[in-house]
N, C-alpha and C. Protein backbone atom coordinates (compact mmCIF):
# COMPACT_ATOMS: atom_id res chain seq x y z
N MET A 1 202.10 89.21 45.47
CA MET A 1 201.49 88.99 44.81
C MET A 1 199.89 90.58 44.86
N ASP A 2 200.31 90.93 43.53
CA ASP A 2 199.08 92.19 43.80
C ASP A 2 197.97 91.38 43.56
N ILE A 3 196.98 91.06 44.82
CA ILE A 3 195.46 91.04 44.22
C ILE A 3 194.14 91.86 44.68
N LYS A 4 194.29 92.33 43.35
CA LYS A 4 192.72 93.68 43.62
C LYS A 4 191.53 93.54 43.51
N LYS A 5 191.19 94.04 44.42
CA LYS A 5 189.11 93.72 45.23
C LYS A 5 188.07 94.67 44.24
N ILE A 6 188.82 95.26 43.70
CA ILE A 6 188.02 96.00 42.52
C ILE A 6 188.55 96.22 41.01
N LEU A 7 188.08 96.04 39.96
CA LEU A 7 188.37 96.72 39.21
C LEU A 7 187.69 97.62 38.21
N ILE A 8 188.38 97.84 37.11
CA ILE A 8 186.72 99.02 36.34
C ILE A 8 186.77 98.27 34.48
N THR A 9 186.43 98.63 34.37
CA THR A 9 185.90 98.38 32.82
C THR A 9 186.52 99.79 31.12
N ASP A 10 186.46 98.91 30.47
CA ASP A 10 187.37 100.13 29.63
C ASP A 10 185.74 101.31 29.80
N ALA A 11 184.92 100.57 29.49
CA ALA A 11 183.74 101.57 29.55
C ALA A 11 183.61 101.59 30.25
N ALA A 12 183.62 101.85 31.70
CA ALA A 12 183.34 102.43 33.26
C ALA A 12 184.25 103.75 33.70
N ILE A 13 185.74 103.50 32.55
CA ILE A 13 186.37 104.52 32.28
C ILE A 13 186.22 105.97 31.27
N GLU A 14 185.56 104.93 30.37
CA GLU A 14 184.20 105.90 29.14
C GLU A 14 183.35 107.43 30.40
N VAL A 15 182.90 106.28 31.39
CA VAL A 15 181.88 107.63 32.02
C VAL A 15 182.31 107.81 33.10
N VAL A 16 183.59 107.39 33.30
CA VAL A 16 183.44 108.07 34.74
C VAL A 16 185.29 109.26 34.32
N ASP A 17 185.84 109.34 33.37
CA ASP A 17 186.31 110.11 32.79
C ASP A 17 185.20 111.72 31.44
N GLN A 18 184.05 111.19 31.38
CA GLN A 18 183.17 111.95 31.14
C GLN A 18 182.80 113.02 33.29
N LEU A 19 182.37 111.82 33.83
CA LEU A 19 182.00 111.79 34.93
C LEU A 19 183.07 113.75 35.74
N LYS A 20 183.99 113.16 35.40
CA LYS A 20 185.66 113.70 35.53
C LYS A 20 185.37 115.48 35.23
N ASP A 21 185.01 115.35 34.25
CA ASP A 21 185.02 117.06 33.36
C ASP A 21 183.84 117.23 34.20
N ARG A 22 183.04 116.79 33.80
CA ARG A 22 181.53 117.70 34.23
C ARG A 22 181.90 118.37 36.46
N PHE A 23 182.34 117.31 37.00
CA PHE A 23 182.29 117.52 38.32
C PHE A 23 183.36 117.10 39.29
N GLY A 24 184.58 116.48 38.01
CA GLY A 24 186.08 117.26 39.04
C GLY A 24 186.17 116.05 39.80
N PRO A 25 186.65 114.90 40.55
CA PRO A 25 187.26 113.85 42.11
C PRO A 25 186.11 113.42 42.34
N LEU A 26 185.64 111.68 42.31
CA LEU A 26 184.81 110.95 41.66
C LEU A 26 185.25 110.25 43.42
N MET A 27 184.35 109.92 43.49
CA MET A 27 184.52 108.53 45.06
C MET A 27 182.67 107.49 44.08
N PHE A 28 183.12 105.96 44.48
CA PHE A 28 182.13 105.43 44.38
C PHE A 28 181.74 104.74 46.23
N HIS A 29 180.15 104.04 46.05
CA HIS A 29 180.00 103.66 47.69
C HIS A 29 178.91 103.18 46.58
N GLN A 30 179.46 101.78 47.83
CA GLN A 30 177.85 100.38 47.63
C GLN A 30 177.84 100.23 49.03
N SER A 31 176.23 99.99 49.13
CA SER A 31 176.16 99.85 50.66
C SER A 31 174.89 98.59 50.29
N GLY A 32 173.92 98.13 51.37
CA GLY A 32 173.89 97.02 51.39
C GLY A 32 172.50 96.81 50.86
N GLY A 33 171.86 98.58 51.37
CA GLY A 33 170.21 98.78 50.89
C GLY A 33 169.73 97.81 49.91
N CYS A 34 167.89 98.20 50.30
CA CYS A 34 167.29 97.35 49.10
C CYS A 34 167.11 98.39 48.09
N CYS A 35 166.54 97.85 47.09
CA CYS A 35 166.31 98.51 45.87
C CYS A 35 167.94 98.82 45.05
N ASP A 36 168.12 99.88 44.66
CA ASP A 36 169.72 100.40 43.82
C ASP A 36 170.57 100.49 44.72
N GLY A 37 169.96 100.52 46.14
CA GLY A 37 171.14 100.48 46.97
C GLY A 37 172.30 99.80 47.63
N SER A 38 172.31 98.55 46.70
CA SER A 38 172.98 97.77 46.46
C SER A 38 173.53 97.77 45.23
N SER A 39 173.51 99.33 44.04
CA SER A 39 174.15 98.83 43.05
C SER A 39 175.18 100.42 43.55
N PRO A 40 176.19 100.21 42.78
CA PRO A 40 177.42 100.69 43.51
C PRO A 40 177.05 102.68 42.78
N MET A 41 177.26 103.26 43.72
CA MET A 41 176.24 105.15 43.28
C MET A 41 178.18 105.70 43.08
N CYS A 42 178.16 106.92 42.16
CA CYS A 42 178.99 108.21 41.71
C CYS A 42 178.76 109.18 42.07
N PHE A 43 179.64 109.19 43.44
CA PHE A 43 179.57 110.75 44.00
C PHE A 43 180.36 111.77 43.90
N GLU A 44 180.29 113.37 43.51
CA GLU A 44 181.62 113.48 43.74
C GLU A 44 181.93 113.78 45.41
N ASP A 45 183.27 113.60 45.04
CA ASP A 45 184.64 112.81 45.87
C ASP A 45 183.90 113.94 48.00
N GLY A 46 183.53 113.87 48.35
CA GLY A 46 183.53 113.73 49.86
C GLY A 46 182.30 114.19 50.12
N ASP A 47 181.05 114.35 48.83
CA ASP A 47 179.75 113.97 48.74
C ASP A 47 178.80 113.24 49.74
N PHE A 48 179.44 112.06 49.68
CA PHE A 48 178.70 110.55 50.74
C PHE A 48 179.39 110.60 51.87
N LYS A 49 179.03 110.91 52.98
CA LYS A 49 179.63 110.44 54.49
C LYS A 49 179.91 109.34 54.59
N ILE A 50 181.09 109.26 54.13
CA ILE A 50 181.58 107.36 54.98
C ILE A 50 182.12 107.52 56.10
N GLY A 51 181.26 105.85 56.93
CA GLY A 51 181.57 105.98 58.35
C GLY A 51 181.90 104.47 58.55
N ASP A 52 181.85 104.48 59.84
CA ASP A 52 182.64 103.41 60.69
C ASP A 52 182.34 102.86 60.29
N SER A 53 180.75 102.35 59.29
CA SER A 53 180.42 100.97 58.90
C SER A 53 180.75 101.14 57.55
N ASP A 54 181.78 101.27 56.89
CA ASP A 54 183.04 100.90 55.41
C ASP A 54 183.96 100.92 55.18
N ILE A 55 183.69 100.15 54.65
CA ILE A 55 185.65 99.92 54.32
C ILE A 55 186.13 100.30 52.26
N LEU A 56 187.85 100.50 52.95
CA LEU A 56 187.83 101.20 51.54
C LEU A 56 188.44 99.99 50.94
N LEU A 57 187.60 99.79 49.28
CA LEU A 57 187.90 98.64 49.56
C LEU A 57 188.87 98.74 47.69
N GLY A 58 189.34 99.84 47.68
CA GLY A 58 191.00 100.33 46.73
C GLY A 58 190.23 101.67 46.04
N ASN A 59 191.36 101.94 45.52
CA ASN A 59 191.29 103.41 44.21
C ASN A 59 190.99 102.52 42.46
N ILE A 60 189.88 102.79 42.01
CA ILE A 60 189.48 101.81 40.52
C ILE A 60 190.03 103.70 39.89
N TYR A 61 191.03 104.29 38.90
CA TYR A 61 190.75 104.84 37.98
C TYR A 61 191.05 106.20 38.94
N GLY A 62 192.03 106.16 40.00
CA GLY A 62 192.09 107.37 40.69
C GLY A 62 190.45 107.72 41.84
N CYS A 63 189.84 106.76 42.00
CA CYS A 63 188.71 106.93 42.45
C CYS A 63 188.39 106.00 43.51
N PRO A 64 188.22 106.53 44.54
CA PRO A 64 188.12 105.45 46.19
C PRO A 64 186.63 105.20 45.50
N PHE A 65 186.51 103.59 46.12
CA PHE A 65 185.23 102.86 45.97
C PHE A 65 185.14 102.36 47.31
N TYR A 66 184.41 102.54 47.99
CA TYR A 66 183.74 102.30 49.20
C TYR A 66 182.15 100.81 49.40
N MET A 67 182.81 100.10 50.55
CA MET A 67 181.50 99.49 50.76
C MET A 67 181.24 99.26 52.02
N SER A 68 179.57 98.38 52.26
CA SER A 68 178.93 98.99 53.43
C SER A 68 179.67 97.29 54.33
N LYS A 69 180.44 98.12 56.03
CA LYS A 69 180.74 96.83 56.07
C LYS A 69 180.02 95.04 55.92
N ASP A 70 179.07 95.27 56.14
CA ASP A 70 177.95 93.84 55.98
C ASP A 70 177.70 94.13 55.01
N GLN A 71 177.18 94.32 53.97
CA GLN A 71 177.96 94.13 52.22
C GLN A 71 178.57 93.18 51.81
N TYR A 72 179.91 93.57 52.35
CA TYR A 72 181.52 92.93 52.17
C TYR A 72 181.53 91.63 52.69
N GLU A 73 181.14 91.64 53.59
CA GLU A 73 181.17 90.06 53.92
C GLU A 73 180.10 89.09 53.33
N TYR A 74 179.78 89.76 51.95
CA TYR A 74 178.76 89.15 51.41
C TYR A 74 179.86 88.08 50.23
N TRP A 75 180.90 89.89 49.74
CA TRP A 75 180.89 90.28 48.45
C TRP A 75 182.83 89.64 49.24
N LYS A 76 182.67 89.55 50.09
CA LYS A 76 184.52 89.75 50.31
C LYS A 76 185.39 87.96 49.58
N HIS A 77 185.08 87.04 49.03
CA HIS A 77 185.45 86.33 48.80
C HIS A 77 185.76 86.40 46.57
N THR A 78 185.43 88.21 46.18
CA THR A 78 184.84 88.27 45.05
C THR A 78 185.96 88.71 44.89
N GLN A 79 186.08 88.40 43.65
CA GLN A 79 187.21 89.75 43.20
C GLN A 79 185.52 91.13 42.72
N LEU A 80 185.77 92.57 42.79
CA LEU A 80 184.48 92.61 42.06
C LEU A 80 185.41 93.95 41.35
N THR A 81 184.67 93.93 39.76
CA THR A 81 184.44 94.85 38.58
C THR A 81 183.36 96.14 38.20
N LEU A 82 183.81 97.43 38.10
CA LEU A 82 183.23 98.32 38.04
C LEU A 82 182.46 97.94 36.39
N ASP A 83 181.34 97.99 36.04
CA ASP A 83 181.01 98.00 34.94
C ASP A 83 179.77 99.16 34.68
N VAL A 84 179.83 98.59 33.31
CA VAL A 84 178.27 100.50 33.25
C VAL A 84 177.35 99.17 31.66
N THR A 85 176.54 99.83 32.09
CA THR A 85 175.38 99.30 31.02
C THR A 85 173.97 100.87 31.37
N SER A 86 173.28 100.55 29.72
CA SER A 86 172.05 101.37 28.93
C SER A 86 171.38 100.68 29.88
N GLY A 87 170.23 101.94 30.81
CA GLY A 87 169.43 102.03 30.79
C GLY A 87 169.25 102.98 32.60
N ARG A 88 168.43 103.29 32.88
CA ARG A 88 168.89 104.90 34.01
C ARG A 88 168.47 103.62 35.16
N GLY A 89 169.47 103.54 35.82
CA GLY A 89 168.72 103.30 37.71
C GLY A 89 168.14 104.34 38.46
N SER A 90 167.35 103.94 39.34
CA SER A 90 166.51 103.97 40.71
C SER A 90 167.40 105.32 41.58
N SER A 91 168.86 105.61 41.58
CA SER A 91 169.47 106.28 42.49
C SER A 91 169.86 107.51 42.06
N PHE A 92 170.58 108.42 43.09
CA PHE A 92 171.25 109.61 43.13
C PHE A 92 172.34 109.36 42.36
N SER A 93 173.14 108.66 42.31
CA SER A 93 174.13 108.64 41.10
C SER A 93 174.29 109.73 39.88
N LEU A 94 175.95 109.84 40.08
CA LEU A 94 175.59 110.80 38.84
C LEU A 94 175.85 110.82 37.11
N GLU A 95 175.52 108.81 37.56
CA GLU A 95 176.00 108.66 36.37
C GLU A 95 173.80 108.74 35.51
N ILE A 96 173.65 108.72 36.34
CA ILE A 96 171.72 108.96 35.78
C ILE A 96 171.46 109.42 35.25
N PRO A 97 171.48 110.44 35.60
CA PRO A 97 170.76 111.05 33.48
C PRO A 97 171.06 110.76 32.54
N MET A 98 172.46 110.57 32.61
CA MET A 98 173.26 110.04 30.95
C MET A 98 172.70 108.78 30.15
N GLY A 99 171.79 108.26 31.14
CA GLY A 99 171.56 106.48 30.36
C GLY A 99 171.18 105.60 30.57
N VAL A 100 172.28 105.21 32.07
CA VAL A 100 173.13 104.75 32.17
C VAL A 100 173.77 104.59 33.04
N ARG A 101 174.37 102.95 33.64
CA ARG A 101 174.04 103.25 35.09
C ARG A 101 175.35 102.16 35.59
N PHE A 102 175.74 102.20 36.87
CA PHE A 102 177.29 101.27 37.03
C PHE A 102 176.86 100.64 37.63
N LEU A 103 177.31 99.19 37.34
CA LEU A 103 177.44 98.10 38.33
C LEU A 103 178.33 97.23 38.54
N ILE A 104 178.17 96.15 39.13
CA ILE A 104 179.54 95.70 39.94
C ILE A 104 179.21 93.53 38.99
N ARG A 105 180.64 93.33 38.39
CA ARG A 105 179.93 91.96 37.68
C ARG A 105 181.14 91.26 39.56
N SER A 106 181.60 89.53 39.05
CA SER A 106 182.44 89.32 40.11
C SER A 106 182.93 88.31 39.88
N ARG A 107 183.41 87.39 40.32
CA ARG A 107 184.25 85.87 40.17
C ARG A 107 184.93 86.00 41.37
N LEU A 108 184.75 84.57 41.85
CA LEU A 108 185.43 84.53 42.75
C LEU A 108 185.94 84.32 43.30
N PHE A 109 187.53 84.74 44.32
CA PHE A 109 189.24 84.70 44.55
C PHE A 109 189.02 83.11 44.32
N THR A 110 190.77 82.54 43.50
CA THR A 110 191.07 81.28 44.10
C THR A 110 191.68 81.46 45.15
N MET A 111 192.16 80.34 45.57
CA MET A 111 192.80 79.84 46.89
C MET A 111 193.83 80.79 47.14
N ASP A 112 195.00 80.07 46.06
CA ASP A 112 195.92 81.53 46.15
C ASP A 112 195.97 82.93 47.02
N GLU A 113 194.37 83.28 45.79
CA GLU A 113 194.65 84.90 46.00
C GLU A 113 193.63 85.36 46.92
N LEU A 114 193.05 84.23 47.97
CA LEU A 114 192.51 84.57 49.80
C LEU A 114 193.98 84.56 49.97
N GLU A 115 194.41 83.07 49.81
CA GLU A 115 195.64 83.36 51.48
C GLU A 115 196.09 85.21 50.62
N SER A 116 196.97 84.39 50.01
CA SER A 116 197.67 86.19 49.74
C SER A 116 196.92 86.95 50.28
N LEU A 117 195.38 87.56 49.92
CA LEU A 117 194.53 88.78 51.12
C LEU A 117 194.88 88.55 52.13
N GLU A 118 194.58 87.50 52.83
CA GLU A 118 194.45 86.47 54.06
C GLU A 118 196.02 87.70 54.79
N LYS A 119 196.70 86.81 54.34
CA LYS A 119 198.35 87.69 54.64
C LYS A 119 198.94 89.18 54.46
N GLU A 120 197.41 90.04 53.89
CA GLU A 120 197.73 91.83 53.76
C GLU A 120 197.47 91.99 54.53
N SER A 121 195.46 91.55 55.13
CA SER A 121 194.60 91.97 56.21
C SER A 121 196.28 91.63 57.65
């Protein structure tokens, strides 16, 4: 069973395409900070320093998606989906000047999916 921890919507793909055209390769990071620090943020690949306190959830549409370990502890039972919505966030994420912001939608993994993920670890 191939279970993905992170997915992406078609709407988010459209924004990522525009950002890739302008900036080249991208990366995402979601921390557990306050305010918009808990929102997914998009950077030019390598512009955000990944540390020992970050884990790679997977690659979405050719972009690595990292999350802080502390934040992952809250989300590890869920499948995350990167989406986009209208409105300006208050972060340094690349999409902000476009009048949109990335967000995360989630659903709980089934028991079978959780067991499969545990076997992969």
